């Protein structure tokens, strides 16, 4: 259960936060502030994805069978970065 929380639920919170901000009406936060918040969430998510990818790659080299959890985290955390590139 602990792995599901750390590797699935927490990265999903970042994903949901990004899409909530990105799909929020402009009148709520304004265009500039909404864009900055979405950029910040995307940047933090990208850094997290990079860190998770490095840890997962090290685990795969060492033969750790739990490294797939880090790969899953990477795939979830990379979605806001890809969405930001598509939206920009």
Protein backbone atom coordinates (compact mmCIF):
# COMPACT_ATOMS: atom_id res chain seq x y z
CA UNK A 1 0.00 0.00 0.00
CA UNK A 2 2.88 2.35 0.79
CA UNK A 3 4.30 1.94 -2.72
CA UNK A 4 0.95 2.76 -4.30
CA UNK A 5 0.73 5.96 -2.27
CA UNK A 6 4.28 7.09 -3.05
CA UNK A 7 4.48 6.03 -6.69
CA UNK A 8 0.92 6.37 -7.98
CA UNK A 9 -1.18 8.70 -5.82
CA UNK A 10 1.34 11.49 -5.12
CA UNK A 11 2.40 11.84 -8.79
CA UNK A 12 -1.28 11.77 -9.76
CA UNK A 13 -1.91 14.72 -7.44
CA UNK A 14 0.67 16.72 -9.42
CA UNK A 15 -1.04 15.68 -12.65
CA UNK A 16 -4.50 16.67 -11.40
CA UNK A 17 -3.19 19.99 -10.01
CA UNK A 18 -1.71 20.85 -13.41
CA UNK A 19 -4.89 20.15 -15.31
CA UNK A 20 -7.04 21.97 -12.74
CA UNK A 21 -4.92 25.09 -13.19
CA UNK A 22 -4.66 24.71 -16.96
CA UNK A 23 -8.39 24.25 -17.46
CA UNK A 24 -9.41 26.95 -14.98
CA UNK A 25 -11.23 29.93 -16.51
CA UNK A 26 -9.07 32.99 -17.16
CA UNK A 27 -11.33 35.15 -14.99
CA UNK A 28 -10.37 33.25 -11.84
CA UNK A 29 -6.61 33.84 -11.76
CA UNK A 30 -5.88 35.83 -14.86
CA UNK A 31 -3.98 34.61 -17.86
CA UNK A 32 -0.48 35.52 -16.65
CA UNK A 33 -0.82 34.01 -13.17
CA UNK A 34 -2.52 30.88 -14.44
CA UNK A 35 0.30 30.35 -16.93
CA UNK A 36 2.98 30.86 -14.31
CA UNK A 37 1.37 28.41 -11.90
CA UNK A 38 0.97 25.82 -14.68
CA UNK A 39 4.62 26.36 -15.67
CA UNK A 40 5.76 25.93 -12.07
CA UNK A 41 3.78 22.72 -11.61
CA UNK A 42 5.10 21.41 -14.91
CA UNK A 43 8.69 22.29 -13.97
CA UNK A 44 8.47 20.61 -10.55
CA UNK A 45 6.82 17.59 -12.15
CA UNK A 46 9.61 17.40 -14.74
CA UNK A 47 12.28 17.53 -12.05
CA UNK A 48 10.47 14.78 -10.16
CA UNK A 49 10.24 12.70 -13.32
CA UNK A 50 13.95 13.15 -13.95
CA UNK A 51 14.78 12.07 -10.41
CA UNK A 52 12.45 9.08 -10.59
CA UNK A 53 13.95 8.05 -13.94
CA UNK A 54 17.47 8.16 -12.51
CA UNK A 55 16.50 6.12 -9.45
CA UNK A 56 14.60 3.65 -11.67
CA UNK A 57 17.55 3.28 -14.05
CA UNK A 58 19.92 2.62 -11.17
CA UNK A 59 17.52 0.02 -9.82
CA UNK A 60 17.23 -1.69 -13.20
CA UNK A 61 21.02 -1.88 -13.53
CA UNK A 62 21.27 -3.43 -10.06
CA UNK A 63 18.52 -5.91 -10.89
CA UNK A 64 16.01 -4.51 -8.39
CA UNK A 65 12.58 -5.91 -9.20
CA UNK A 66 10.90 -2.90 -7.54
CA UNK A 67 12.40 -0.46 -10.08
CA UNK A 68 9.21 -0.69 -12.14
CA UNK A 69 7.51 1.49 -9.50
CA UNK A 70 9.95 4.30 -10.31
CA UNK A 71 9.27 3.90 -14.01
CA UNK A 72 5.55 4.18 -13.31
CA UNK A 73 6.16 7.38 -11.32
CA UNK A 74 8.21 8.76 -14.20
CA UNK A 75 5.46 8.09 -16.72
CA UNK A 76 2.85 9.82 -14.56
CA UNK A 77 5.08 12.82 -13.76
CA UNK A 78 6.03 13.39 -17.40
CA UNK A 79 2.41 13.97 -18.52
CA UNK A 80 2.25 17.64 -17.33
CA UNK A 81 5.52 18.41 -19.11
CA UNK A 82 4.22 16.95 -22.38
CA UNK A 83 0.90 18.76 -21.94
CA UNK A 84 2.72 22.06 -21.34
CA UNK A 85 4.73 21.59 -24.53
CA UNK A 86 1.58 20.82 -26.51
CA UNK A 87 -0.34 23.78 -25.03
CA UNK A 88 2.49 26.25 -25.58
